[in-house]
C-alpha cells in the first residue's frame, strides 16, 4: 500500500493545485470508503491485494490536499 501512496501523492500534488482541493478530498474519501467495504467482502487474495492498491492510491489523493488546506487555514 505504500508504493501506490507515494506514486499517487506526486500526481495528486500537481492536480490539487489546479482543481478544488475540497472536491478532490471528497472524491478520494468516497472511493476510499468503497474500497474499504469491498476489501471486507473480497473472496480471494488477489481481490484483497487489488483493493489494497486502490486504498493506497486514494490515500495518496487525500494527503497532499489535506496538508495544503491545513497550511492555508493555519499559516506559519
PDB file of N, CA and C in Angstrom:
ATOM      1  N   UNK A   1       0.820  -1.196   0.000  1.00  0.00           N
ATOM      2  CA  UNK A   1       0.000   0.000   0.000  1.00  0.00           C
ATOM      3  C   UNK A   1       0.859   1.252   0.000  1.00  0.00           C
ATOM      4  N   UNK A   2       2.115   1.158   0.337  1.00  0.00           N
ATOM      5  CA  UNK A   2       2.976   2.329   0.411  1.00  0.00           C
ATOM      6  C   UNK A   2       3.403   2.821  -0.962  1.00  0.00           C
ATOM      7  N   UNK A   3       3.704   1.913  -1.878  1.00  0.00           N
ATOM      8  CA  UNK A   3       4.142   2.319  -3.215  1.00  0.00           C
ATOM      9  C   UNK A   3       3.047   3.083  -3.976  1.00  0.00           C
ATOM     10  N   UNK A   4       1.804   2.619  -4.006  1.00  0.00           N
ATOM     11  CA  UNK A   4       0.766   3.412  -4.682  1.00  0.00           C
ATOM     12  C   UNK A   4       0.543   4.765  -4.016  1.00  0.00           C
ATOM     13  N   UNK A   5       0.684   4.819  -2.700  1.00  0.00           N
ATOM     14  CA  UNK A   5       0.514   6.086  -1.993  1.00  0.00           C
ATOM     15  C   UNK A   5       1.566   7.087  -2.445  1.00  0.00           C
ATOM     16  N   UNK A   6       2.803   6.656  -2.562  1.00  0.00           N
ATOM     17  CA  UNK A   6       3.876   7.559  -2.972  1.00  0.00           C
ATOM     18  C   UNK A   6       3.675   8.024  -4.405  1.00  0.00           C
ATOM     19  N   UNK A   7       3.339   7.097  -5.287  1.00  0.00           N
ATOM     20  CA  UNK A   7       3.158   7.448  -6.696  1.00  0.00           C
ATOM     21  C   UNK A   7       1.982   8.400  -6.881  1.00  0.00           C
ATOM     22  N   UNK A   8       0.868   8.100  -6.255  1.00  0.00           N
ATOM     23  CA  UNK A   8      -0.306   8.957  -6.433  1.00  0.00           C
ATOM     24  C   UNK A   8      -0.169  10.285  -5.692  1.00  0.00           C
ATOM     25  N   UNK A   9       0.635  10.347  -4.646  1.00  0.00           N
ATOM     26  CA  UNK A   9       0.844  11.621  -3.950  1.00  0.00           C
ATOM     27  C   UNK A   9       1.560  12.623  -4.838  1.00  0.00           C
ATOM     28  N   UNK A  10       2.498  12.142  -5.630  1.00  0.00           N
ATOM     29  CA  UNK A  10       3.198  13.035  -6.555  1.00  0.00           C
ATOM     30  C   UNK A  10       2.238  13.620  -7.574  1.00  0.00           C
ATOM     31  N   UNK A  11       1.382  12.772  -8.126  1.00  0.00           N
ATOM     32  CA  UNK A  11       0.405  13.231  -9.110  1.00  0.00           C
ATOM     33  C   UNK A  11      -0.670  14.098  -8.463  1.00  0.00           C
ATOM     34  N   UNK A  12      -1.101  13.737  -7.269  1.00  0.00           N
ATOM     35  CA  UNK A  12      -2.167  14.484  -6.590  1.00  0.00           C
ATOM     36  C   UNK A  12      -1.703  15.876  -6.180  1.00  0.00           C
ATOM     37  N   UNK A  13      -0.424  16.025  -5.887  1.00  0.00           N
ATOM     38  CA  UNK A  13       0.096  17.353  -5.563  1.00  0.00           C
ATOM     39  C   UNK A  13      -0.052  18.307  -6.731  1.00  0.00           C
ATOM     40  N   UNK A  14       0.191  17.821  -7.937  1.00  0.00           N
ATOM     41  CA  UNK A  14       0.019  18.649  -9.131  1.00  0.00           C
ATOM     42  C   UNK A  14      -1.455  18.927  -9.416  1.00  0.00           C
ATOM     43  N   UNK A  15      -2.279  17.907  -9.233  1.00  0.00           N
ATOM     44  CA  UNK A  15      -3.711  18.056  -9.514  1.00  0.00           C
ATOM     45  C   UNK A  15      -4.368  18.996  -8.502  1.00  0.00           C
ATOM     46  N   UNK A  16      -3.942  18.934  -7.250  1.00  0.00           N
ATOM     47  CA  UNK A  16      -4.593  19.757  -6.219  1.00  0.00           C
ATOM     48  C   UNK A  16      -4.306  21.233  -6.391  1.00  0.00           C
ATOM     49  N   UNK A  17      -3.268  21.585  -7.155  1.00  0.00           N
ATOM     50  CA  UNK A  17      -3.024  22.997  -7.448  1.00  0.00           C
ATOM     51  C   UNK A  17      -3.969  23.526  -8.514  1.00  0.00           C
ATOM     52  N   UNK A  18      -4.539  22.631  -9.317  1.00  0.00           N
ATOM     53  CA  UNK A  18      -5.373  23.060 -10.438  1.00  0.00           C
ATOM     54  C   UNK A  18      -6.868  22.920 -10.199  1.00  0.00           C
ATOM     55  N   UNK A  19      -7.264  22.000  -9.321  1.00  0.00           N
ATOM     56  CA  UNK A  19      -8.694  21.790  -9.068  1.00  0.00           C
ATOM     57  C   UNK A  19      -9.006  22.140  -7.613  1.00  0.00           C
ATOM     58  N   UNK A  20     -10.268  22.139  -7.308  1.00  0.00           N
ATOM     59  CA  UNK A  20     -10.706  22.447  -5.953  1.00  0.00           C
ATOM     60  C   UNK A  20     -10.242  21.342  -4.996  1.00  0.00           C
ATOM     61  N   UNK A  21      -9.511  21.719  -3.977  1.00  0.00           N
ATOM     62  CA  UNK A  21      -8.959  20.737  -3.042  1.00  0.00           C
ATOM     63  C   UNK A  21     -10.044  20.006  -2.264  1.00  0.00           C
ATOM     64  N   UNK A  22     -11.085  20.715  -1.904  1.00  0.00           N
ATOM     65  CA  UNK A  22     -12.170  20.075  -1.146  1.00  0.00           C
ATOM     66  C   UNK A  22     -12.856  18.992  -1.968  1.00  0.00           C
ATOM     67  N   UNK A  23     -13.096  19.257  -3.245  1.00  0.00           N
ATOM     68  CA  UNK A  23     -13.729  18.251  -4.100  1.00  0.00           C
ATOM     69  C   UNK A  23     -12.810  17.059  -4.320  1.00  0.00           C
ATOM     70  N   UNK A  24     -11.522  17.314  -4.458  1.00  0.00           N
ATOM     71  CA  UNK A  24     -10.567  16.224  -4.633  1.00  0.00           C
ATOM     72  C   UNK A  24     -10.536  15.331  -3.399  1.00  0.00           C
ATOM     73  N   UNK A  25     -10.559  15.943  -2.225  1.00  0.00           N
ATOM     74  CA  UNK A  25     -10.558  15.173  -0.980  1.00  0.00           C
ATOM     75  C   UNK A  25     -11.864  14.401  -0.813  1.00  0.00           C
ATOM     76  N   UNK A  26     -12.988  15.016  -1.153  1.00  0.00           N
ATOM     77  CA  UNK A  26     -14.282  14.328  -1.039  1.00  0.00           C
ATOM     78  C   UNK A  26     -14.348  13.120  -1.974  1.00  0.00           C
ATOM     79  N   UNK A  27     -13.861  13.289  -3.200  1.00  0.00           N
ATOM     80  CA  UNK A  27     -13.831  12.164  -4.124  1.00  0.00           C
ATOM     81  C   UNK A  27     -12.938  11.045  -3.631  1.00  0.00           C
ATOM     82  N   UNK A  28     -11.784  11.404  -3.077  1.00  0.00           N
ATOM     83  CA  UNK A  28     -10.867  10.392  -2.548  1.00  0.00           C
ATOM     84  C   UNK A  28     -11.490   9.661  -1.360  1.00  0.00           C
ATOM     85  N   UNK A  29     -12.200  10.382  -0.514  1.00  0.00           N
ATOM     86  CA  UNK A  29     -12.828   9.758   0.649  1.00  0.00           C
ATOM     87  C   UNK A  29     -13.933   8.793   0.220  1.00  0.00           C
ATOM     88  N   UNK A  30     -14.710   9.172  -0.789  1.00  0.00           N
ATOM     89  CA  UNK A  30     -15.789   8.303  -1.263  1.00  0.00           C
ATOM     90  C   UNK A  30     -15.223   7.020  -1.862  1.00  0.00           C
ATOM     91  N   UNK A  31     -14.203   7.146  -2.712  1.00  0.00           N
ATOM     92  CA  UNK A  31     -13.596   5.954  -3.310  1.00  0.00           C
ATOM     93  C   UNK A  31     -12.914   5.107  -2.249  1.00  0.00           C
ATOM     94  N   UNK A  32     -12.243   5.755  -1.292  1.00  0.00           N
ATOM     95  CA  UNK A  32     -11.566   5.038  -0.210  1.00  0.00           C
ATOM     96  C   UNK A  32     -12.569   4.243   0.628  1.00  0.00           C
ATOM     97  N   UNK A  33     -13.707   4.860   0.930  1.00  0.00           N
ATOM     98  CA  UNK A  33     -14.737   4.170   1.715  1.00  0.00           C
ATOM     99  C   UNK A  33     -15.293   2.971   0.966  1.00  0.00           C
ATOM    100  N   UNK A  34     -15.521   3.121  -0.334  1.00  0.00           N
ATOM    101  CA  UNK A  34     -15.992   1.992  -1.129  1.00  0.00           C
ATOM    102  C   UNK A  34     -14.969   0.871  -1.195  1.00  0.00           C
ATOM    103  N   UNK A  35     -13.692   1.232  -1.279  1.00  0.00           N
ATOM    104  CA  UNK A  35     -12.641   0.214  -1.327  1.00  0.00           C
ATOM    105  C   UNK A  35     -12.517  -0.519   0.007  1.00  0.00           C
ATOM    106  N   UNK A  36     -12.751   0.184   1.108  1.00  0.00           N
ATOM    107  CA  UNK A  36     -12.725  -0.467   2.422  1.00  0.00           C
ATOM    108  C   UNK A  36     -13.830  -1.517   2.502  1.00  0.00           C
ATOM    109  N   UNK A  37     -15.026  -1.147   2.067  1.00  0.00           N
ATOM    110  CA  UNK A  37     -16.153  -2.085   2.105  1.00  0.00           C
ATOM    111  C   UNK A  37     -15.888  -3.257   1.165  1.00  0.00           C
ATOM    112  N   UNK A  38     -15.361  -2.965  -0.029  1.00  0.00           N
ATOM    113  CA  UNK A  38     -15.076  -4.036  -0.988  1.00  0.00           C
ATOM    114  C   UNK A  38     -13.992  -4.974  -0.463  1.00  0.00           C
ATOM    115  N   UNK A  39     -13.017  -4.444   0.255  1.00  0.00           N
ATOM    116  CA  UNK A  39     -11.979  -5.286   0.840  1.00  0.00           C
ATOM    117  C   UNK A  39     -12.577  -6.236   1.873  1.00  0.00           C
ATOM    118  N   UNK A  40     -13.550  -5.758   2.604  1.00  0.00           N
ATOM    119  CA  UNK A  40     -14.181  -6.608   3.611  1.00  0.00           C
ATOM    120  C   UNK A  40     -14.922  -7.787   2.990  1.00  0.00           C
ATOM    121  N   UNK A  41     -15.437  -7.600   1.784  1.00  0.00           N
ATOM    122  CA  UNK A  41     -16.203  -8.660   1.134  1.00  0.00           C
ATOM    123  C   UNK A  41     -15.419  -9.403   0.060  1.00  0.00           C
ATOM    124  N   UNK A  42     -14.109  -9.182  -0.008  1.00  0.00           N
ATOM    125  CA  UNK A  42     -13.286  -9.849  -1.029  1.00  0.00           C
ATOM    126  C   UNK A  42     -13.206 -11.341  -0.741  1.00  0.00           C
ATOM    127  N   UNK A  43     -13.286 -12.129  -1.795  1.00  0.00           N
ATOM    128  CA  UNK A  43     -13.288 -13.587  -1.646  1.00  0.00           C
ATOM    129  C   UNK A  43     -11.902 -14.205  -1.850  1.00  0.00           C
ATOM    130  N   UNK A  44     -11.040 -13.543  -2.618  1.00  0.00           N
ATOM    131  CA  UNK A  44      -9.732 -14.120  -2.921  1.00  0.00           C
ATOM    132  C   UNK A  44      -8.621 -13.174  -2.476  1.00  0.00           C
ATOM    133  N   UNK A  45      -7.438 -13.720  -2.398  1.00  0.00           N
ATOM    134  CA  UNK A  45      -6.283 -12.919  -2.012  1.00  0.00           C
ATOM    135  C   UNK A  45      -5.955 -11.871  -3.072  1.00  0.00           C
ATOM    136  N   UNK A  46      -6.149 -12.199  -4.326  1.00  0.00           N
ATOM    137  CA  UNK A  46      -5.902 -11.247  -5.413  1.00  0.00           C
ATOM    138  C   UNK A  46      -6.836 -10.046  -5.281  1.00  0.00           C
ATOM    139  N   UNK A  47      -8.077 -10.288  -4.939  1.00  0.00           N
ATOM    140  CA  UNK A  47      -9.033  -9.196  -4.757  1.00  0.00           C
ATOM    141  C   UNK A  47      -8.623  -8.301  -3.590  1.00  0.00           C
ATOM    142  N   UNK A  48      -8.160  -8.899  -2.516  1.00  0.00           N
ATOM    143  CA  UNK A  48      -7.701  -8.104  -1.362  1.00  0.00           C
ATOM    144  C   UNK A  48      -6.508  -7.246  -1.752  1.00  0.00           C
ATOM    145  N   UNK A  49      -5.592  -7.810  -2.525  1.00  0.00           N
ATOM    146  CA  UNK A  49      -4.419  -7.053  -2.959  1.00  0.00           C
ATOM    147  C   UNK A  49      -4.816  -5.902  -3.871  1.00  0.00           C
ATOM    148  N   UNK A  50      -5.725  -6.153  -4.809  1.00  0.00           N
ATOM    149  CA  UNK A  50      -6.172  -5.091  -5.712  1.00  0.00           C
ATOM    150  C   UNK A  50      -6.902  -3.972  -4.960  1.00  0.00           C
ATOM    151  N   UNK A  51      -7.757  -4.347  -4.022  1.00  0.00           N
ATOM    152  CA  UNK A  51      -8.455  -3.324  -3.243  1.00  0.00           C
ATOM    153  C   UNK A  51      -7.486  -2.561  -2.350  1.00  0.00           C
ATOM    154  N   UNK A  52      -6.450  -3.221  -1.873  1.00  0.00           N
ATOM    155  CA  UNK A  52      -5.433  -2.531  -1.073  1.00  0.00           C
ATOM    156  C   UNK A  52      -4.646  -1.540  -1.919  1.00  0.00           C
ATOM    157  N   UNK A  53      -4.386  -1.891  -3.163  1.00  0.00           N
ATOM    158  CA  UNK A  53      -3.735  -0.943  -4.068  1.00  0.00           C
ATOM    159  C   UNK A  53      -4.605   0.282  -4.301  1.00  0.00           C
ATOM    160  N   UNK A  54      -5.906   0.053  -4.467  1.00  0.00           N
ATOM    161  CA  UNK A  54      -6.831   1.181  -4.637  1.00  0.00           C
ATOM    162  C   UNK A  54      -6.864   2.036  -3.373  1.00  0.00           C
ATOM    163  N   UNK A  55      -6.818   1.398  -2.225  1.00  0.00           N
ATOM    164  CA  UNK A  55      -6.756   2.151  -0.959  1.00  0.00           C
ATOM    165  C   UNK A  55      -5.520   3.042  -0.924  1.00  0.00           C
ATOM    166  N   UNK A  56      -4.387   2.510  -1.363  1.00  0.00           N
ATOM    167  CA  UNK A  56      -3.164   3.295  -1.380  1.00  0.00           C
ATOM    168  C   UNK A  56      -3.254   4.477  -2.334  1.00  0.00           C
ATOM    169  N   UNK A  57      -3.802   4.252  -3.527  1.00  0.00           N
ATOM    170  CA  UNK A  57      -3.942   5.335  -4.488  1.00  0.00           C
ATOM    171  C   UNK A  57      -4.855   6.437  -3.960  1.00  0.00           C
ATOM    172  N   UNK A  58      -5.987   6.049  -3.379  1.00  0.00           N
ATOM    173  CA  UNK A  58      -6.914   7.076  -2.893  1.00  0.00           C
ATOM    174  C   UNK A  58      -6.361   7.804  -1.672  1.00  0.00           C
ATOM    175  N   UNK A  59      -5.612   7.120  -0.840  1.00  0.00           N
ATOM    176  CA  UNK A  59      -4.982   7.800   0.284  1.00  0.00           C
ATOM    177  C   UNK A  59      -3.951   8.802  -0.216  1.00  0.00           C
ATOM    178  N   UNK A  60      -3.273   8.463  -1.306  1.00  0.00           N
ATOM    179  CA  UNK A  60      -2.328   9.401  -1.914  1.00  0.00           C
ATOM    180  C   UNK A  60      -3.007  10.638  -2.465  1.00  0.00           C
ATOM    181  N   UNK A  61      -4.267  10.505  -2.879  1.00  0.00           N
ATOM    182  CA  UNK A  61      -5.004  11.675  -3.351  1.00  0.00           C
ATOM    183  C   UNK A  61      -5.630  12.464  -2.207  1.00  0.00           C
ATOM    184  N   UNK A  62      -5.573  11.959  -1.009  1.00  0.00           N
ATOM    185  CA  UNK A  62      -6.129  12.676   0.132  1.00  0.00           C
ATOM    186  C   UNK A  62      -5.069  13.497   0.863  1.00  0.00           C
ATOM    187  N   UNK A  63      -3.871  12.973   1.005  1.00  0.00           N
ATOM    188  CA  UNK A  63      -2.856  13.595   1.856  1.00  0.00           C
ATOM    189  C   UNK A  63      -2.366  14.958   1.337  1.00  0.00           C
ATOM    190  N   UNK A  64      -1.937  15.105   0.069  1.00  0.00           N
ATOM    191  CA  UNK A  64      -1.435  16.424  -0.364  1.00  0.00           C
ATOM    192  C   UNK A  64      -2.456  17.557  -0.256  1.00  0.00           C
ATOM    193  N   UNK A  65      -3.721  17.357  -0.685  1.00  0.00           N
ATOM    194  CA  UNK A  65      -4.669  18.459  -0.489  1.00  0.00           C
ATOM    195  C   UNK A  65      -4.944  18.755   0.983  1.00  0.00           C
ATOM    196  N   UNK A  66      -4.928  17.722   1.819  1.00  0.00           N
ATOM    197  CA  UNK A  66      -5.170  17.943   3.246  1.00  0.00           C
ATOM    198  C   UNK A  66      -4.053  18.777   3.863  1.00  0.00           C
ATOM    199  N   UNK A  67      -2.826  18.479   3.509  1.00  0.00           N
ATOM    200  CA  UNK A  67      -1.701  19.249   4.051  1.00  0.00           C
ATOM    201  C   UNK A  67      -1.756  20.686   3.562  1.00  0.00           C
ATOM    202  N   UNK A  68      -2.075  20.893   2.286  1.00  0.00           N
ATOM    203  CA  UNK A  68      -2.130  22.263   1.781  1.00  0.00           C
ATOM    204  C   UNK A  68      -3.300  23.041   2.377  1.00  0.00           C
ATOM    205  N   UNK A  69      -4.428  22.361   2.647  1.00  0.00           N
ATOM    206  CA  UNK A  69      -5.540  23.061   3.301  1.00  0.00           C
ATOM    207  C   UNK A  69      -5.195  23.439   4.740  1.00  0.00           C
ATOM    208  N   UNK A  70      -4.490  22.572   5.426  1.00  0.00           N
ATOM    209  CA  UNK A  70      -4.056  22.891   6.794  1.00  0.00           C
ATOM    210  C   UNK A  70      -3.137  24.109   6.770  1.00  0.00           C
ATOM    211  N   UNK A  71      -2.225  24.151   5.811  1.00  0.00           N
ATOM    212  CA  UNK A  71      -1.324  25.293   5.706  1.00  0.00           C
ATOM    213  C   UNK A  71      -2.065  26.568   5.289  1.00  0.00           C
ATOM    214  N   UNK A  72      -3.141  26.437   4.505  1.00  0.00           N
ATOM    215  CA  UNK A  72      -3.949  27.603   4.173  1.00  0.00           C
ATOM    216  C   UNK A  72      -4.696  28.160   5.382  1.00  0.00           C
ATOM    217  N   UNK A  73      -5.223  27.275   6.202  1.00  0.00           N
ATOM    218  CA  UNK A  73      -6.006  27.698   7.362  1.00  0.00           C
ATOM    219  C   UNK A  73      -5.132  28.179   8.512  1.00  0.00           C
ATOM    220  N   UNK A  74      -3.940  27.605   8.660  1.00  0.00           N
ATOM    221  CA  UNK A  74      -3.043  27.961   9.764  1.00  0.00           C
ATOM    222  C   UNK A  74      -1.683  28.346   9.212  1.00  0.00           C
ATOM    223  N   UNK A  75      -1.539  29.581   8.744  1.00  0.00           N
ATOM    224  CA  UNK A  75      -0.244  29.990   8.178  1.00  0.00           C
ATOM    225  C   UNK A  75       0.839  30.021   9.270  1.00  0.00           C
ATOM    226  N   UNK A  76       2.057  29.911   8.816  1.00  0.00           N
ATOM    227  CA  UNK A  76       3.181  29.855   9.757  1.00  0.00           C
ATOM    228  C   UNK A  76       3.368  31.196  10.436  1.00  0.00           C
TER     229      UNK A  76
END
